[in-house]
Amino acid sequence: MMAQTQKHDVFQAIADPTRRSLLQLLVDKEMPVTAISSHYPMTRTAVSKHLRILAEAGLVKERKVGRETRYRLETEPLLELKRWLAYYERFWENKLAALKRFVEADGAEDAGTASAPGLADKE
């Protein structure tokens, strides 16, 4: 039997602000869809669709407890996102370091200019 492929990847799943909010809501505890949907101004069906996309990406797991389905956060797929961002972090660090050097150099020039008139006044 072939393994089921994911319909949505982590990047698609977290692209929507509502789904990111759902992940934050599920950080600390497992919750049923009824409790989850009470936090949003949308129908339970709409919340269920968002949860289904997160489940397809492996970001939430669902389990049946009696008649209700409970959802919990799965953080392992977020490691893929972390690795991807880590690769690009070096570019941000380089740009921030260059900005820091620029600002500090500009500040040093301004400090040198500001002290010159004071010296000229004393002469």
PDB file of N, CA and C in Angstrom:
ATOM      1  N   MET A   1       0.841  -1.191   0.000  1.00  0.00           N
ATOM      2  CA  MET A   1       0.000   0.000   0.000  1.00  0.00           C
ATOM      3  C   MET A   1       0.878   1.242   0.000  1.00  0.00           C
ATOM      4  N   MET A   2       0.547   2.215  -0.832  1.00  0.00           N
ATOM      5  CA  MET A   2       1.340   3.444  -0.930  1.00  0.00           C
ATOM      6  C   MET A   2       0.981   4.394   0.206  1.00  0.00           C
ATOM      7  N   ALA A   3       1.980   5.115   0.685  1.00  0.00           N
ATOM      8  CA  ALA A   3       1.734   6.118   1.719  1.00  0.00           C
ATOM      9  C   ALA A   3       0.969   7.282   1.105  1.00  0.00           C
ATOM     10  N   GLN A   4       0.068   7.834   1.891  1.00  0.00           N
ATOM     11  CA  GLN A   4      -0.718   8.970   1.411  1.00  0.00           C
ATOM     12  C   GLN A   4       0.171  10.207   1.334  1.00  0.00           C
ATOM     13  N   THR A   5       0.154  10.888   0.207  1.00  0.00           N
ATOM     14  CA  THR A   5       0.949  12.098   0.058  1.00  0.00           C
ATOM     15  C   THR A   5       0.187  13.278   0.634  1.00  0.00           C
ATOM     16  N   GLN A   6       0.937  14.268   1.085  1.00  0.00           N
ATOM     17  CA  GLN A   6       0.315  15.453   1.652  1.00  0.00           C
ATOM     18  C   GLN A   6      -0.258  16.314   0.542  1.00  0.00           C
ATOM     19  N   LYS A   7      -1.477  16.808   0.758  1.00  0.00           N
ATOM     20  CA  LYS A   7      -2.106  17.686  -0.224  1.00  0.00           C
ATOM     21  C   LYS A   7      -1.585  19.114  -0.079  1.00  0.00           C
ATOM     22  N   HIS A   8      -1.224  19.496   1.138  1.00  0.00           N
ATOM     23  CA  HIS A   8      -0.710  20.844   1.403  1.00  0.00           C
ATOM     24  C   HIS A   8       0.613  20.710   2.124  1.00  0.00           C
ATOM     25  N   ASP A   9       1.548  21.593   1.781  1.00  0.00           N
ATOM     26  CA  ASP A   9       2.805  21.580   2.521  1.00  0.00           C
ATOM     27  C   ASP A   9       2.746  22.612   3.643  1.00  0.00           C
ATOM     28  N   VAL A  10       3.766  22.602   4.461  1.00  0.00           N
ATOM     29  CA  VAL A  10       3.816  23.488   5.626  1.00  0.00           C
ATOM     30  C   VAL A  10       3.722  24.950   5.205  1.00  0.00           C
ATOM     31  N   PHE A  11       4.391  25.301   4.119  1.00  0.00           N
ATOM     32  CA  PHE A  11       4.418  26.689   3.672  1.00  0.00           C
ATOM     33  C   PHE A  11       3.033  27.161   3.235  1.00  0.00           C
ATOM     34  N   GLN A  12       2.309  26.316   2.508  1.00  0.00           N
ATOM     35  CA  GLN A  12       0.944  26.659   2.112  1.00  0.00           C
ATOM     36  C   GLN A  12       0.044  26.773   3.336  1.00  0.00           C
ATOM     37  N   ALA A  13       0.230  25.854   4.270  1.00  0.00           N
ATOM     38  CA  ALA A  13      -0.632  25.819   5.443  1.00  0.00           C
ATOM     39  C   ALA A  13      -0.486  27.073   6.309  1.00  0.00           C
ATOM     40  N   ILE A  14       0.737  27.538   6.491  1.00  0.00           N
ATOM     41  CA  ILE A  14       0.924  28.697   7.371  1.00  0.00           C
ATOM     42  C   ILE A  14       0.797  30.024   6.635  1.00  0.00           C
ATOM     43  N   ALA A  15       0.541  29.978   5.343  1.00  0.00           N
ATOM     44  CA  ALA A  15       0.402  31.216   4.572  1.00  0.00           C
ATOM     45  C   ALA A  15      -0.821  32.018   5.005  1.00  0.00           C
ATOM     46  N   ASP A  16      -1.805  31.355   5.558  1.00  0.00           N
ATOM     47  CA  ASP A  16      -3.045  32.021   5.953  1.00  0.00           C
ATOM     48  C   ASP A  16      -2.967  32.453   7.419  1.00  0.00           C
ATOM     49  N   PRO A  17      -3.292  33.716   7.724  1.00  0.00           N
ATOM     50  CA  PRO A  17      -3.212  34.198   9.106  1.00  0.00           C
ATOM     51  C   PRO A  17      -4.151  33.457  10.063  1.00  0.00           C
ATOM     52  N   THR A  18      -5.293  33.012   9.580  1.00  0.00           N
ATOM     53  CA  THR A  18      -6.206  32.259  10.446  1.00  0.00           C
ATOM     54  C   THR A  18      -5.580  30.933  10.850  1.00  0.00           C
ATOM     55  N   ARG A  19      -4.922  30.266   9.923  1.00  0.00           N
ATOM     56  CA  ARG A  19      -4.284  28.990  10.256  1.00  0.00           C
ATOM     57  C   ARG A  19      -3.104  29.189  11.206  1.00  0.00           C
ATOM     58  N   ARG A  20      -2.371  30.288  11.044  1.00  0.00           N
ATOM     59  CA  ARG A  20      -1.290  30.572  12.005  1.00  0.00           C
ATOM     60  C   ARG A  20      -1.874  30.799  13.388  1.00  0.00           C
ATOM     61  N   SER A  21      -3.001  31.481  13.441  1.00  0.00           N
ATOM     62  CA  SER A  21      -3.676  31.720  14.710  1.00  0.00           C
ATOM     63  C   SER A  21      -4.169  30.408  15.328  1.00  0.00           C
ATOM     64  N   LEU A  22      -4.674  29.510  14.500  1.00  0.00           N
ATOM     65  CA  LEU A  22      -5.107  28.200  14.990  1.00  0.00           C
ATOM     66  C   LEU A  22      -3.942  27.444  15.614  1.00  0.00           C
ATOM     67  N   LEU A  23      -2.784  27.500  14.985  1.00  0.00           N
ATOM     68  CA  LEU A  23      -1.610  26.834  15.539  1.00  0.00           C
ATOM     69  C   LEU A  23      -1.253  27.401  16.908  1.00  0.00           C
ATOM     70  N   GLN A  24      -1.323  28.723  17.032  1.00  0.00           N
ATOM     71  CA  GLN A  24      -1.030  29.345  18.328  1.00  0.00           C
ATOM     72  C   GLN A  24      -2.033  28.910  19.389  1.00  0.00           C
ATOM     73  N   LEU A  25      -3.278  28.784  18.993  1.00  0.00           N
ATOM     74  CA  LEU A  25      -4.329  28.369  19.921  1.00  0.00           C
ATOM     75  C   LEU A  25      -4.087  26.951  20.432  1.00  0.00           C
ATOM     76  N   LEU A  26      -3.513  26.104  19.587  1.00  0.00           N
ATOM     77  CA  LEU A  26      -3.305  24.700  19.942  1.00  0.00           C
ATOM     78  C   LEU A  26      -1.946  24.415  20.564  1.00  0.00           C
ATOM     79  N   VAL A  27      -1.164  25.436  20.822  1.00  0.00           N
ATOM     80  CA  VAL A  27       0.174  25.237  21.377  1.00  0.00           C
ATOM     81  C   VAL A  27       0.130  24.518  22.721  1.00  0.00           C
ATOM     82  N   ASP A  28      -0.746  24.926  23.593  1.00  0.00           N
ATOM     83  CA  ASP A  28      -0.733  24.407  24.960  1.00  0.00           C
ATOM     84  C   ASP A  28      -1.661  23.236  25.226  1.00  0.00           C
ATOM     85  N   LYS A  29      -2.672  23.041  24.361  1.00  0.00           N
ATOM     86  CA  LYS A  29      -3.632  21.992  24.687  1.00  0.00           C
ATOM     87  C   LYS A  29      -4.352  21.463  23.457  1.00  0.00           C
ATOM     88  N   GLU A  30      -4.854  20.270  23.615  1.00  0.00           N
ATOM     89  CA  GLU A  30      -5.699  19.637  22.613  1.00  0.00           C
ATOM     90  C   GLU A  30      -7.109  20.205  22.784  1.00  0.00           C
ATOM     91  N   MET A  31      -7.774  20.480  21.669  1.00  0.00           N
ATOM     92  CA  MET A  31      -9.103  21.098  21.753  1.00  0.00           C
ATOM     93  C   MET A  31     -10.047  20.498  20.721  1.00  0.00           C
ATOM     94  N   PRO A  32     -11.339  20.433  21.069  1.00  0.00           N
ATOM     95  CA  PRO A  32     -12.334  20.013  20.068  1.00  0.00           C
ATOM     96  C   PRO A  32     -12.680  21.180  19.156  1.00  0.00           C
ATOM     97  N   VAL A  33     -13.185  20.867  17.975  1.00  0.00           N
ATOM     98  CA  VAL A  33     -13.495  21.908  16.994  1.00  0.00           C
ATOM     99  C   VAL A  33     -14.519  22.897  17.532  1.00  0.00           C
ATOM    100  N   THR A  34     -15.426  22.461  18.379  1.00  0.00           N
ATOM    101  CA  THR A  34     -16.420  23.391  18.935  1.00  0.00           C
ATOM    102  C   THR A  34     -15.748  24.465  19.788  1.00  0.00           C
ATOM    103  N   ALA A  35     -14.775  24.074  20.605  1.00  0.00           N
ATOM    104  CA  ALA A  35     -14.052  25.047  21.434  1.00  0.00           C
ATOM    105  C   ALA A  35     -13.173  25.942  20.573  1.00  0.00           C
ATOM    106  N   ILE A  36     -12.555  25.363  19.559  1.00  0.00           N
ATOM    107  CA  ILE A  36     -11.691  26.149  18.669  1.00  0.00           C
ATOM    108  C   ILE A  36     -12.516  27.198  17.932  1.00  0.00           C
ATOM    109  N   SER A  37     -13.654  26.776  17.391  1.00  0.00           N
ATOM    110  CA  SER A  37     -14.456  27.701  16.576  1.00  0.00           C
ATOM    111  C   SER A  37     -15.037  28.846  17.404  1.00  0.00           C
ATOM    112  N   SER A  38     -15.132  28.680  18.711  1.00  0.00           N
ATOM    113  CA  SER A  38     -15.647  29.775  19.541  1.00  0.00           C
ATOM    114  C   SER A  38     -14.687  30.962  19.591  1.00  0.00           C
ATOM    115  N   HIS A  39     -13.448  30.766  19.172  1.00  0.00           N
ATOM    116  CA  HIS A  39     -12.456  31.846  19.159  1.00  0.00           C
ATOM    117  C   HIS A  39     -12.458  32.653  17.863  1.00  0.00           C
ATOM    118  N   TYR A  40     -13.280  32.266  16.888  1.00  0.00           N
ATOM    119  CA  TYR A  40     -13.234  32.892  15.570  1.00  0.00           C
ATOM    120  C   TYR A  40     -14.620  33.335  15.107  1.00  0.00           C
ATOM    121  N   PRO A  41     -14.673  34.443  14.374  1.00  0.00           N
ATOM    122  CA  PRO A  41     -15.964  34.938  13.859  1.00  0.00           C
ATOM    123  C   PRO A  41     -16.332  34.280  12.538  1.00  0.00           C
ATOM    124  N   MET A  42     -16.268  32.948  12.513  1.00  0.00           N
ATOM    125  CA  MET A  42     -16.611  32.207  11.301  1.00  0.00           C
ATOM    126  C   MET A  42     -17.335  30.929  11.712  1.00  0.00           C
ATOM    127  N   THR A  43     -17.897  30.266  10.753  1.00  0.00           N
ATOM    128  CA  THR A  43     -18.655  29.057  11.044  1.00  0.00           C
ATOM    129  C   THR A  43     -17.717  27.914  11.452  1.00  0.00           C
ATOM    130  N   ARG A  44     -18.285  26.939  12.110  1.00  0.00           N
ATOM    131  CA  ARG A  44     -17.522  25.755  12.492  1.00  0.00           C
ATOM    132  C   ARG A  44     -17.015  25.030  11.240  1.00  0.00           C
ATOM    133  N   THR A  45     -17.803  25.073  10.178  1.00  0.00           N
ATOM    134  CA  THR A  45     -17.394  24.450   8.916  1.00  0.00           C
ATOM    135  C   THR A  45     -16.140  25.122   8.365  1.00  0.00           C
ATOM    136  N   ALA A  46     -16.089  26.433   8.435  1.00  0.00           N
ATOM    137  CA  ALA A  46     -14.912  27.168   7.954  1.00  0.00           C
ATOM    138  C   ALA A  46     -13.680  26.832   8.801  1.00  0.00           C
ATOM    139  N   VAL A  47     -13.863  26.764  10.112  1.00  0.00           N
ATOM    140  CA  VAL A  47     -12.754  26.394  10.997  1.00  0.00           C
ATOM    141  C   VAL A  47     -12.294  24.976  10.673  1.00  0.00           C
ATOM    142  N   SER A  48     -13.242  24.087  10.433  1.00  0.00           N
ATOM    143  CA  SER A  48     -12.903  22.697  10.090  1.00  0.00           C
ATOM    144  C   SER A  48     -12.090  22.622   8.800  1.00  0.00           C
ATOM    145  N   LYS A  49     -12.413  23.471   7.837  1.00  0.00           N
ATOM    146  CA  LYS A  49     -11.638  23.489   6.586  1.00  0.00           C
ATOM    147  C   LYS A  49     -10.196  23.908   6.853  1.00  0.00           C
ATOM    148  N   HIS A  50     -10.010  24.921   7.677  1.00  0.00           N
ATOM    149  CA  HIS A  50      -8.658  25.352   8.031  1.00  0.00           C
ATOM    150  C   HIS A  50      -7.916  24.230   8.759  1.00  0.00           C
ATOM    151  N   LEU A  51      -8.600  23.573   9.686  1.00  0.00           N
ATOM    152  CA  LEU A  51      -7.982  22.473  10.420  1.00  0.00           C
ATOM    153  C   LEU A  51      -7.618  21.314   9.497  1.00  0.00           C
ATOM    154  N   ARG A  52      -8.445  21.073   8.505  1.00  0.00           N
ATOM    155  CA  ARG A  52      -8.164  19.998   7.552  1.00  0.00           C
ATOM    156  C   ARG A  52      -6.884  20.300   6.762  1.00  0.00           C
ATOM    157  N   ILE A  53      -6.713  21.546   6.353  1.00  0.00           N
ATOM    158  CA  ILE A  53      -5.489  21.941   5.632  1.00  0.00           C
ATOM    159  C   ILE A  53      -4.273  21.772   6.537  1.00  0.00           C
ATOM    160  N   LEU A  54      -4.401  22.180   7.799  1.00  0.00           N
ATOM    161  CA  LEU A  54      -3.292  22.006   8.740  1.00  0.00           C
ATOM    162  C   LEU A  54      -2.995  20.530   8.966  1.00  0.00           C
ATOM    163  N   ALA A  55      -4.036  19.707   9.019  1.00  0.00           N
ATOM    164  CA  ALA A  55      -3.851  18.265   9.200  1.00  0.00           C
ATOM    165  C   ALA A  55      -3.180  17.646   7.982  1.00  0.00           C
ATOM    166  N   GLU A  56      -3.570  18.078   6.791  1.00  0.00           N
ATOM    167  CA  GLU A  56      -2.963  17.556   5.563  1.00  0.00           C
ATOM    168  C   GLU A  56      -1.482  17.906   5.478  1.00  0.00           C
ATOM    169  N   ALA A  57      -1.113  19.025   6.078  1.00  0.00           N
ATOM    170  CA  ALA A  57       0.295  19.429   6.108  1.00  0.00           C
ATOM    171  C   ALA A  57       1.039  18.781   7.275  1.00  0.00           C
ATOM    172  N   GLY A  58       0.317  18.051   8.108  1.00  0.00           N
ATOM    173  CA  GLY A  58       0.928  17.377   9.247  1.00  0.00           C
ATOM    174  C   GLY A  58       1.131  18.265  10.454  1.00  0.00           C
ATOM    175  N   LEU A  59       0.575  19.467  10.435  1.00  0.00           N
ATOM    176  CA  LEU A  59       0.770  20.411  11.535  1.00  0.00           C
ATOM    177  C   LEU A  59      -0.175  20.198  12.708  1.00  0.00           C
ATOM    178  N   VAL A  60      -1.286  19.541  12.481  1.00  0.00           N
ATOM    179  CA  VAL A  60      -2.188  19.161  13.573  1.00  0.00           C
ATOM    180  C   VAL A  60      -2.558  17.695  13.402  1.00  0.00           C
ATOM    181  N   LYS A  61      -2.789  17.060  14.518  1.00  0.00           N
ATOM    182  CA  LYS A  61      -3.276  15.675  14.528  1.00  0.00           C
ATOM    183  C   LYS A  61      -4.671  15.703  15.129  1.00  0.00           C
ATOM    184  N   GLU A  62      -5.504  14.844  14.621  1.00  0.00           N
ATOM    185  CA  GLU A  62      -6.855  14.754  15.155  1.00  0.00           C
ATOM    186  C   GLU A  62      -7.070  13.370  15.745  1.00  0.00           C
ATOM    187  N   ARG A  63      -7.909  13.331  16.779  1.00  0.00           N
ATOM    188  CA  ARG A  63      -8.273  12.040  17.353  1.00  0.00           C
ATOM    189  C   ARG A  63      -9.704  12.123  17.832  1.00  0.00           C
ATOM    190  N   LYS A  64     -10.391  11.021  17.680  1.00  0.00           N
ATOM    191  CA  LYS A  64     -11.788  10.928  18.089  1.00  0.00           C
ATOM    192  C   LYS A  64     -11.856  10.590  19.568  1.00  0.00           C
ATOM    193  N   VAL A  65     -12.657  11.344  20.282  1.00  0.00           N
ATOM    194  CA  VAL A  65     -12.951  11.065  21.686  1.00  0.00           C
ATOM    195  C   VAL A  65     -14.466  11.101  21.793  1.00  0.00           C
ATOM    196  N   GLY A  66     -15.066   9.925  21.840  1.00  0.00           N
ATOM    197  CA  GLY A  66     -16.525   9.857  21.815  1.00  0.00           C
ATOM    198  C   GLY A  66     -17.031  10.357  20.480  1.00  0.00           C
ATOM    199  N   ARG A  67     -17.906  11.341  20.536  1.00  0.00           N
ATOM    200  CA  ARG A  67     -18.477  11.887  19.301  1.00  0.00           C
ATOM    201  C   ARG A  67     -17.738  13.103  18.773  1.00  0.00           C
ATOM    202  N   GLU A  68     -16.750  13.584  19.527  1.00  0.00           N
ATOM    203  CA  GLU A  68     -16.056  14.776  19.070  1.00  0.00           C
ATOM    204  C   GLU A  68     -14.650  14.462  18.558  1.00  0.00           C
ATOM    205  N   THR A  69     -14.168  15.342  17.709  1.00  0.00           N
ATOM    206  CA  THR A  69     -12.810  15.244  17.194  1.00  0.00           C
ATOM    207  C   THR A  69     -11.976  16.316  17.869  1.00  0.00           C
ATOM    208  N   ARG A  70     -10.878  15.914  18.443  1.00  0.00           N
ATOM    209  CA  ARG A  70      -9.979  16.851  19.114  1.00  0.00           C
ATOM    210  C   ARG A  70      -8.720  17.027  18.279  1.00  0.00           C
ATOM    211  N   TYR A  71      -8.189  18.234  18.325  1.00  0.00           N
ATOM    212  CA  TYR A  71      -7.011  18.589  17.533  1.00  0.00           C
ATOM    213  C   TYR A  71      -5.877  19.000  18.456  1.00  0.00           C
ATOM    214  N   ARG A  72      -4.664  18.625  18.057  1.00  0.00           N
ATOM    215  CA  ARG A  72      -3.476  19.042  18.797  1.00  0.00           C
ATOM    216  C   ARG A  72      -2.374  19.408  17.811  1.00  0.00           C
ATOM    217  N   LEU A  73      -1.514  20.281  18.238  1.00  0.00           N
ATOM    218  CA  LEU A  73      -0.405  20.765  17.412  1.00  0.00           C
ATOM    219  C   LEU A  73       0.667  19.693  17.268  1.00  0.00           C
ATOM    220  N   GLU A  74       1.202  19.560  16.078  1.00  0.00           N
ATOM    221  CA  GLU A  74       2.358  18.711  15.785  1.00  0.00           C
ATOM    222  C   GLU A  74       3.470  19.642  15.314  1.00  0.00           C
ATOM    223  N   THR A  75       4.527  19.754  16.080  1.00  0.00           N
ATOM    224  CA  THR A  75       5.574  20.734  15.768  1.00  0.00           C
ATOM    225  C   THR A  75       6.639  20.221  14.811  1.00  0.00           C
ATOM    226  N   GLU A  76       6.755  18.920  14.642  1.00  0.00           N
ATOM    227  CA  GLU A  76       7.832  18.383  13.800  1.00  0.00           C
ATOM    228  C   GLU A  76       7.852  18.961  12.384  1.00  0.00           C
ATOM    229  N   PRO A  77       6.705  19.102  11.703  1.00  0.00           N
ATOM    230  CA  PRO A  77       6.761  19.690  10.355  1.00  0.00           C
ATOM    231  C   PRO A  77       7.281  21.127  10.335  1.00  0.00           C
ATOM    232  N   LEU A  78       7.227  21.809  11.472  1.00  0.00           N
ATOM    233  CA  LEU A  78       7.751  23.174  11.526  1.00  0.00           C
ATOM    234  C   LEU A  78       9.271  23.197  11.412  1.00  0.00           C
ATOM    235  N   LEU A  79       9.914  22.053  11.650  1.00  0.00           N
ATOM    236  CA  LEU A  79      11.368  21.982  11.491  1.00  0.00           C
ATOM    237  C   LEU A  79      11.778  22.228  10.043  1.00  0.00           C
ATOM    238  N   GLU A  80      10.949  21.781   9.105  1.00  0.00           N
ATOM    239  CA  GLU A  80      11.216  22.048   7.688  1.00  0.00           C
ATOM    240  C   GLU A  80      11.257  23.550   7.443  1.00  0.00           C
ATOM    241  N   LEU A  81      10.306  24.258   8.020  1.00  0.00           N
ATOM    242  CA  LEU A  81      10.249  25.714   7.902  1.00  0.00           C
ATOM    243  C   LEU A  81      11.461  26.352   8.570  1.00  0.00           C
ATOM    244  N   LYS A  82      11.822  25.851   9.734  1.00  0.00           N
ATOM    245  CA  LYS A  82      12.969  26.392  10.460  1.00  0.00           C
ATOM    246  C   LYS A  82      14.258  26.224   9.652  1.00  0.00           C
ATOM    247  N   ARG A  83      14.443  25.051   9.049  1.00  0.00           N
ATOM    248  CA  ARG A  83      15.644  24.821   8.232  1.00  0.00           C
ATOM    249  C   ARG A  83      15.679  25.761   7.030  1.00  0.00           C
ATOM    250  N   TRP A  84      14.536  25.955   6.406  1.00  0.00           N
ATOM    251  CA  TRP A  84      14.463  26.830   5.239  1.00  0.00           C
ATOM    252  C   TRP A  84      14.804  28.265   5.634  1.00  0.00           C
ATOM    253  N   LEU A  85      14.229  28.728   6.742  1.00  0.00           N
ATOM    254  CA  LEU A  85      14.503  30.091   7.203  1.00  0.00           C
ATOM    255  C   LEU A  85      15.952  30.257   7.656  1.00  0.00           C
ATOM    256  N   ALA A  86      16.521  29.211   8.263  1.00  0.00           N
ATOM    257  CA  ALA A  86      17.903  29.286   8.737  1.00  0.00           C
ATOM    258  C   ALA A  86      18.857  29.541   7.576  1.00  0.00           C
ATOM    259  N   TYR A  87      18.572  28.949   6.426  1.00  0.00           N
ATOM    260  CA  TYR A  87      19.425  29.167   5.258  1.00  0.00           C
ATOM    261  C   TYR A  87      19.451  30.650   4.879  1.00  0.00           C
ATOM    262  N   TYR A  88      18.309  31.306   4.918  1.00  0.00           N
ATOM    263  CA  TYR A  88      18.222  32.712   4.507  1.00  0.00           C
ATOM    264  C   TYR A  88      18.594  33.679   5.625  1.00  0.00           C
ATOM    265  N   GLU A  89      18.679  33.183   6.835  1.00  0.00           N
ATOM    266  CA  GLU A  89      19.029  34.036   7.964  1.00  0.00           C
ATOM    267  C   GLU A  89      20.402  34.678   7.776  1.00  0.00           C
ATOM    268  N   ARG A  90      21.318  33.970   7.138  1.00  0.00           N
ATOM    269  CA  ARG A  90      22.652  34.536   6.930  1.00  0.00           C
ATOM    270  C   ARG A  90      22.602  35.795   6.079  1.00  0.00           C
ATOM    271  N   PHE A  91      21.650  35.873   5.146  1.00  0.00           N
ATOM    272  CA  PHE A  91      21.507  37.075   4.330  1.00  0.00           C
ATOM    273  C   PHE A  91      20.996  38.238   5.174  1.00  0.00           C
ATOM    274  N   TRP A  92      20.042  37.943   6.064  1.00  0.00           N
ATOM    275  CA  TRP A  92      19.518  38.989   6.945  1.00  0.00           C
ATOM    276  C   TRP A  92      20.616  39.484   7.866  1.00  0.00           C
ATOM    277  N   GLU A  93      21.396  38.545   8.421  1.00  0.00           N
ATOM    278  CA  GLU A  93      22.469  38.934   9.336  1.00  0.00           C
ATOM    279  C   GLU A  93      23.496  39.798   8.622  1.00  0.00           C
ATOM    280  N   ASN A  94      23.829  39.448   7.373  1.00  0.00           N
ATOM    281  CA  ASN A  94      24.786  40.257   6.605  1.00  0.00           C
ATOM    282  C   ASN A  94      24.239  41.658   6.371  1.00  0.00           C
ATOM    283  N   LYS A  95      22.963  41.755   6.020  1.00  0.00           N
ATOM    284  CA  LYS A  95      22.357  43.067   5.763  1.00  0.00           C
ATOM    285  C   LYS A  95      22.285  43.886   7.049  1.00  0.00           C
ATOM    286  N   LEU A  96      21.927  43.248   8.151  1.00  0.00           N
ATOM    287  CA  LEU A  96      21.860  43.965   9.426  1.00  0.00           C
ATOM    288  C   LEU A  96      23.239  44.418   9.878  1.00  0.00           C
ATOM    289  N   ALA A  97      24.251  43.590   9.674  1.00  0.00           N
ATOM    290  CA  ALA A  97      25.620  43.974  10.029  1.00  0.00           C
ATOM    291  C   ALA A  97      26.073  45.159   9.182  1.00  0.00           C
ATOM    292  N   ALA A  98      25.748  45.134   7.894  1.00  0.00           N
ATOM    293  CA  ALA A  98      26.114  46.249   7.016  1.00  0.00           C
ATOM    294  C   ALA A  98      25.388  47.524   7.436  1.00  0.00           C
ATOM    295  N   LEU A  99      24.117  47.404   7.790  1.00  0.00           N
ATOM    296  CA  LEU A  99      23.360  48.565   8.257  1.00  0.00           C
ATOM    297  C   LEU A  99      23.966  49.124   9.539  1.00  0.00           C
ATOM    298  N   LYS A 100      24.348  48.248  10.440  1.00  0.00           N
ATOM    299  CA  LYS A 100      24.963  48.690  11.702  1.00  0.00           C
ATOM    300  C   LYS A 100      26.259  49.455  11.420  1.00  0.00           C
ATOM    301  N   ARG A 101      27.097  48.898  10.534  1.00  0.00           N
ATOM    302  CA  ARG A 101      28.353  49.587  10.191  1.00  0.00           C
ATOM    303  C   ARG A 101      28.073  50.955   9.577  1.00  0.00           C
ATOM    304  N   PHE A 102      27.072  51.031   8.706  1.00  0.00           N
ATOM    305  CA  PHE A 102      26.720  52.286   8.057  1.00  0.00           C
ATOM    306  C   PHE A 102      26.254  53.322   9.077  1.00  0.00           C
ATOM    307  N   VAL A 103      25.359  52.899   9.965  1.00  0.00           N
ATOM    308  CA  VAL A 103      24.816  53.828  10.966  1.00  0.00           C
ATOM    309  C   VAL A 103      25.914  54.282  11.919  1.00  0.00           C
ATOM    310  N   GLU A 104      26.754  53.352  12.351  1.00  0.00           N
ATOM    311  CA  GLU A 104      27.835  53.727  13.270  1.00  0.00           C
ATOM    312  C   GLU A 104      28.847  54.645  12.593  1.00  0.00           C
ATOM    313  N   ALA A 105      29.152  54.394  11.324  1.00  0.00           N
ATOM    314  CA  ALA A 105      30.083  55.256  10.590  1.00  0.00           C
ATOM    315  C   ALA A 105      29.483  56.641  10.393  1.00  0.00           C
ATOM    316  N   ASP A 106      28.202  56.699  10.073  1.00  0.00           N
ATOM    317  CA  ASP A 106      27.516  57.976   9.889  1.00  0.00           C
ATOM    318  C   ASP A 106      27.465  58.732  11.215  1.00  0.00           C
ATOM    319  N   GLY A 107      27.241  58.011  12.303  1.00  0.00           N
ATOM    320  CA  GLY A 107      27.210  58.635  13.632  1.00  0.00           C
ATOM    321  C   GLY A 107      28.566  59.185  14.017  1.00  0.00           C
ATOM    322  N   ALA A 108      29.631  58.490  13.647  1.00  0.00           N
ATOM    323  CA  ALA A 108      30.988  58.955  13.954  1.00  0.00           C
ATOM    324  C   ALA A 108      31.309  60.228  13.167  1.00  0.00           C
ATOM    325  N   GLU A 109      30.858  60.279  11.905  1.00  0.00           N
ATOM    326  CA  GLU A 109      31.079  61.480  11.096  1.00  0.00           C
ATOM    327  C   GLU A 109      30.322  62.660  11.680  1.00  0.00           C
ATOM    328  N   ASP A 110      29.067  62.434  12.104  1.00  0.00           N
ATOM    329  CA  ASP A 110      28.271  63.506  12.708  1.00  0.00           C
ATOM    330  C   ASP A 110      28.904  63.996  14.001  1.00  0.00           C
ATOM    331  N   ALA A 111      29.454  63.090  14.787  1.00  0.00           N
ATOM    332  CA  ALA A 111      30.098  63.467  16.054  1.00  0.00           C
ATOM    333  C   ALA A 111      31.339  64.303  15.772  1.00  0.00           C
ATOM    334  N   GLY A 112      32.069  63.945  14.750  1.00  0.00           N
ATOM    335  CA  GLY A 112      33.265  64.713  14.382  1.00  0.00           C
ATOM    336  C   GLY A 112      32.899  66.096  13.893  1.00  0.00           C
ATOM    337  N   THR A 113      31.813  66.217  13.145  1.00  0.00           N
ATOM    338  CA  THR A 113      31.361  67.496  12.631  1.00  0.00           C
ATOM    339  C   THR A 113      30.821  68.368  13.759  1.00  0.00           C
ATOM    340  N   ALA A 114      30.130  67.748  14.705  1.00  0.00           N
ATOM    341  CA  ALA A 114      29.532  68.510  15.799  1.00  0.00           C
ATOM    342  C   ALA A 114      30.598  69.091  16.718  1.00  0.00           C
ATOM    343  N   SER A 115      31.715  68.387  16.880  1.00  0.00           N
ATOM    344  CA  SER A 115      32.735  68.906  17.789  1.00  0.00           C
ATOM    345  C   SER A 115      33.594  69.980  17.133  1.00  0.00           C
ATOM    346  N   ALA A 116      33.659  70.027  15.837  1.00  0.00           N
ATOM    347  CA  ALA A 116      34.493  71.018  15.155  1.00  0.00           C
ATOM    348  C   ALA A 116      34.067  72.456  15.417  1.00  0.00           C
ATOM    349  N   PRO A 117      32.757  72.795  15.359  1.00  0.00           N
ATOM    350  CA  PRO A 117      32.412  74.202  15.631  1.00  0.00           C
ATOM    351  C   PRO A 117      32.768  74.623  17.044  1.00  0.00           C
ATOM    352  N   GLY A 118      32.656  73.724  17.974  1.00  0.00           N
ATOM    353  CA  GLY A 118      33.023  74.050  19.361  1.00  0.00           C
ATOM    354  C   GLY A 118      34.486  74.403  19.469  1.00  0.00           C
ATOM    355  N   LEU A 119      35.324  73.682  18.739  1.00  0.00           N
ATOM    356  CA  LEU A 119      36.754  73.951  18.751  1.00  0.00           C
ATOM    357  C   LEU A 119      37.046  75.272  18.057  1.00  0.00           C
ATOM    358  N   ALA A 120      36.345  75.560  17.006  1.00  0.00           N
ATOM    359  CA  ALA A 120      36.563  76.798  16.265  1.00  0.00           C
ATOM    360  C   ALA A 120      36.195  77.975  17.112  1.00  0.00           C
ATOM    361  N   ASP A 121      35.160  77.844  17.954  1.00  0.00           N
ATOM    362  CA  ASP A 121      34.732  78.960  18.820  1.00  0.00           C
ATOM    363  C   ASP A 121      35.791  79.295  19.860  1.00  0.00           C
ATOM    364  N   LYS A 122      36.561  78.282  20.326  1.00  0.00           N
ATOM    365  CA  LYS A 122      37.559  78.502  21.371  1.00  0.00           C
ATOM    366  C   LYS A 122      38.810  79.147  20.827  1.00  0.00           C
ATOM    367  N   GLU A 123      39.023  79.059  19.545  1.00  0.00           N
ATOM    368  CA  GLU A 123      40.265  79.597  18.988  1.00  0.00           C
ATOM    369  C   GLU A 123      40.241  81.062  18.839  1.00  0.00           C
TER     370      GLU A 123
END
